[in-house]
């Protein structure tokens, strides 16, 4: 429960999201990591939190897409998997 921001978040079986949401208020930081299947409502929930509670949204997919474009490759599932593997292995 997020009492300090005046909202309650109730997870369901489809509650998985993509991206990161960060909310700060009076020295409180809330970080949510969201993943999920197509049509689970991730984007709708992210838009709601950004607009209603002024969350910041950081998308991992946007970061990966930028990396693929930097390599001058087409953005598709195969190159997303390849880019993620390369980034993971570059530690």
C-alpha atoms as a PDB file:
ATOM      1  CA  UNK A   1       0.000   0.000   0.000  1.00  0.00           C
ATOM      2  CA  UNK A   2       1.306   3.454  -0.896  1.00  0.00           C
ATOM      3  CA  UNK A   3      -0.414   5.454   1.827  1.00  0.00           C
ATOM      4  CA  UNK A   4       1.922   8.445   1.538  1.00  0.00           C
ATOM      5  CA  UNK A   5       0.821   9.170  -2.043  1.00  0.00           C
ATOM      6  CA  UNK A   6      -2.879   8.560  -1.437  1.00  0.00           C
ATOM      7  CA  UNK A   7      -3.277   5.412  -3.514  1.00  0.00           C
ATOM      8  CA  UNK A   8      -3.529   1.672  -3.069  1.00  0.00           C
ATOM      9  CA  UNK A   9      -1.931  -0.725  -5.529  1.00  0.00           C
ATOM     10  CA  UNK A  10      -3.474  -4.190  -5.569  1.00  0.00           C
ATOM     11  CA  UNK A  11      -1.496  -6.724  -7.622  1.00  0.00           C
ATOM     12  CA  UNK A  12      -3.382  -9.280  -9.714  1.00  0.00           C
ATOM     13  CA  UNK A  13      -2.234 -12.360 -11.584  1.00  0.00           C
ATOM     14  CA  UNK A  14      -1.528 -10.116 -14.607  1.00  0.00           C
ATOM     15  CA  UNK A  15       0.313  -7.458 -12.606  1.00  0.00           C
ATOM     16  CA  UNK A  16       3.662  -7.438 -14.341  1.00  0.00           C
ATOM     17  CA  UNK A  17       5.003  -4.374 -16.034  1.00  0.00           C
ATOM     18  CA  UNK A  18       7.766  -2.992 -18.250  1.00  0.00           C
ATOM     19  CA  UNK A  19      10.041  -0.105 -17.468  1.00  0.00           C
ATOM     20  CA  UNK A  20      10.825   1.765 -14.319  1.00  0.00           C
ATOM     21  CA  UNK A  21       8.676   4.239 -12.444  1.00  0.00           C
ATOM     22  CA  UNK A  22      10.144   6.435  -9.761  1.00  0.00           C
ATOM     23  CA  UNK A  23       8.114   8.679  -7.455  1.00  0.00           C
ATOM     24  CA  UNK A  24       9.597  11.024  -4.896  1.00  0.00           C
ATOM     25  CA  UNK A  25       7.724  13.006  -2.274  1.00  0.00           C
ATOM     26  CA  UNK A  26       9.070  14.248   1.054  1.00  0.00           C
ATOM     27  CA  UNK A  27      12.232  12.109   0.877  1.00  0.00           C
ATOM     28  CA  UNK A  28      10.280   9.002  -0.173  1.00  0.00           C
ATOM     29  CA  UNK A  29      11.464   7.120  -3.240  1.00  0.00           C
ATOM     30  CA  UNK A  30       9.328   4.404  -4.776  1.00  0.00           C
ATOM     31  CA  UNK A  31      10.833   2.358  -7.596  1.00  0.00           C
ATOM     32  CA  UNK A  32       8.566   0.005  -9.548  1.00  0.00           C
ATOM     33  CA  UNK A  33       9.869  -2.422 -12.156  1.00  0.00           C
ATOM     34  CA  UNK A  34       7.166  -3.514 -14.572  1.00  0.00           C
ATOM     35  CA  UNK A  35       7.169  -6.410 -17.045  1.00  0.00           C
ATOM     36  CA  UNK A  36       4.366  -8.366 -18.621  1.00  0.00           C
ATOM     37  CA  UNK A  37       2.565  -9.888 -21.551  1.00  0.00           C
ATOM     38  CA  UNK A  38       1.003  -7.857 -24.343  1.00  0.00           C
ATOM     39  CA  UNK A  39      -2.286  -6.283 -23.312  1.00  0.00           C
ATOM     40  CA  UNK A  40      -1.760  -6.686 -19.547  1.00  0.00           C
ATOM     41  CA  UNK A  41      -2.313  -2.951 -18.981  1.00  0.00           C
ATOM     42  CA  UNK A  42       1.296  -1.916 -18.321  1.00  0.00           C
ATOM     43  CA  UNK A  43       1.135   1.198 -20.470  1.00  0.00           C
ATOM     44  CA  UNK A  44      -2.216   2.240 -19.060  1.00  0.00           C
ATOM     45  CA  UNK A  45      -0.975   1.958 -15.483  1.00  0.00           C
ATOM     46  CA  UNK A  46       2.277   3.770 -16.296  1.00  0.00           C
ATOM     47  CA  UNK A  47       0.382   6.622 -17.987  1.00  0.00           C
ATOM     48  CA  UNK A  48      -1.950   6.875 -14.972  1.00  0.00           C
ATOM     49  CA  UNK A  49       0.921   7.038 -12.462  1.00  0.00           C
ATOM     50  CA  UNK A  50       2.858   9.563 -14.555  1.00  0.00           C
ATOM     51  CA  UNK A  51      -0.162  11.850 -15.057  1.00  0.00           C
ATOM     52  CA  UNK A  52      -1.904  11.496 -11.679  1.00  0.00           C
ATOM     53  CA  UNK A  53       1.066  11.193  -9.306  1.00  0.00           C
ATOM     54  CA  UNK A  54       3.910  12.776 -11.320  1.00  0.00           C
ATOM     55  CA  UNK A  55       5.992   9.578 -11.513  1.00  0.00           C
ATOM     56  CA  UNK A  56       8.999   9.570 -13.831  1.00  0.00           C
ATOM     57  CA  UNK A  57       9.080   6.771 -16.427  1.00  0.00           C
ATOM     58  CA  UNK A  58      12.310   5.161 -17.600  1.00  0.00           C
ATOM     59  CA  UNK A  59      11.863   2.486 -20.255  1.00  0.00           C
ATOM     60  CA  UNK A  60      14.396  -0.323 -20.582  1.00  0.00           C
ATOM     61  CA  UNK A  61      13.039  -0.992 -24.069  1.00  0.00           C
ATOM     62  CA  UNK A  62      13.847   2.599 -25.098  1.00  0.00           C
ATOM     63  CA  UNK A  63      17.414   2.142 -23.831  1.00  0.00           C
ATOM     64  CA  UNK A  64      17.785  -1.133 -25.767  1.00  0.00           C
ATOM     65  CA  UNK A  65      16.235   0.411 -28.905  1.00  0.00           C
ATOM     66  CA  UNK A  66      18.762   3.270 -28.725  1.00  0.00           C
ATOM     67  CA  UNK A  67      21.593   0.720 -28.514  1.00  0.00           C
ATOM     68  CA  UNK A  68      20.276  -1.180 -31.561  1.00  0.00           C
ATOM     69  CA  UNK A  69      19.933   2.046 -33.571  1.00  0.00           C
ATOM     70  CA  UNK A  70      23.436   3.096 -32.486  1.00  0.00           C
ATOM     71  CA  UNK A  71      24.667  -0.158 -34.069  1.00  0.00           C
ATOM     72  CA  UNK A  72      22.719   0.746 -37.233  1.00  0.00           C
ATOM     73  CA  UNK A  73      20.599  -2.421 -37.049  1.00  0.00           C
ATOM     74  CA  UNK A  74      16.853  -2.829 -37.601  1.00  0.00           C
ATOM     75  CA  UNK A  75      14.757  -2.871 -34.434  1.00  0.00           C
ATOM     76  CA  UNK A  76      13.160  -6.305 -34.238  1.00  0.00           C
ATOM     77  CA  UNK A  77      12.931  -9.151 -31.739  1.00  0.00           C
ATOM     78  CA  UNK A  78      16.096 -10.917 -32.946  1.00  0.00           C
ATOM     79  CA  UNK A  79      18.247  -7.804 -32.599  1.00  0.00           C
ATOM     80  CA  UNK A  80      16.660  -6.943 -29.241  1.00  0.00           C
ATOM     81  CA  UNK A  81      17.700 -10.375 -27.919  1.00  0.00           C
ATOM     82  CA  UNK A  82      21.164  -9.943 -29.454  1.00  0.00           C
ATOM     83  CA  UNK A  83      21.623  -6.452 -27.968  1.00  0.00           C
ATOM     84  CA  UNK A  84      20.474  -7.560 -24.499  1.00  0.00           C
ATOM     85  CA  UNK A  85      22.878 -10.513 -24.594  1.00  0.00           C
ATOM     86  CA  UNK A  86      25.760  -8.270 -25.704  1.00  0.00           C
ATOM     87  CA  UNK A  87      25.003  -5.720 -22.970  1.00  0.00           C
ATOM     88  CA  UNK A  88      24.791  -8.476 -20.369  1.00  0.00           C
ATOM     89  CA  UNK A  89      28.117  -9.977 -21.504  1.00  0.00           C
ATOM     90  CA  UNK A  90      29.904  -6.594 -21.546  1.00  0.00           C
ATOM     91  CA  UNK A  91      30.214  -6.433 -17.725  1.00  0.00           C
END
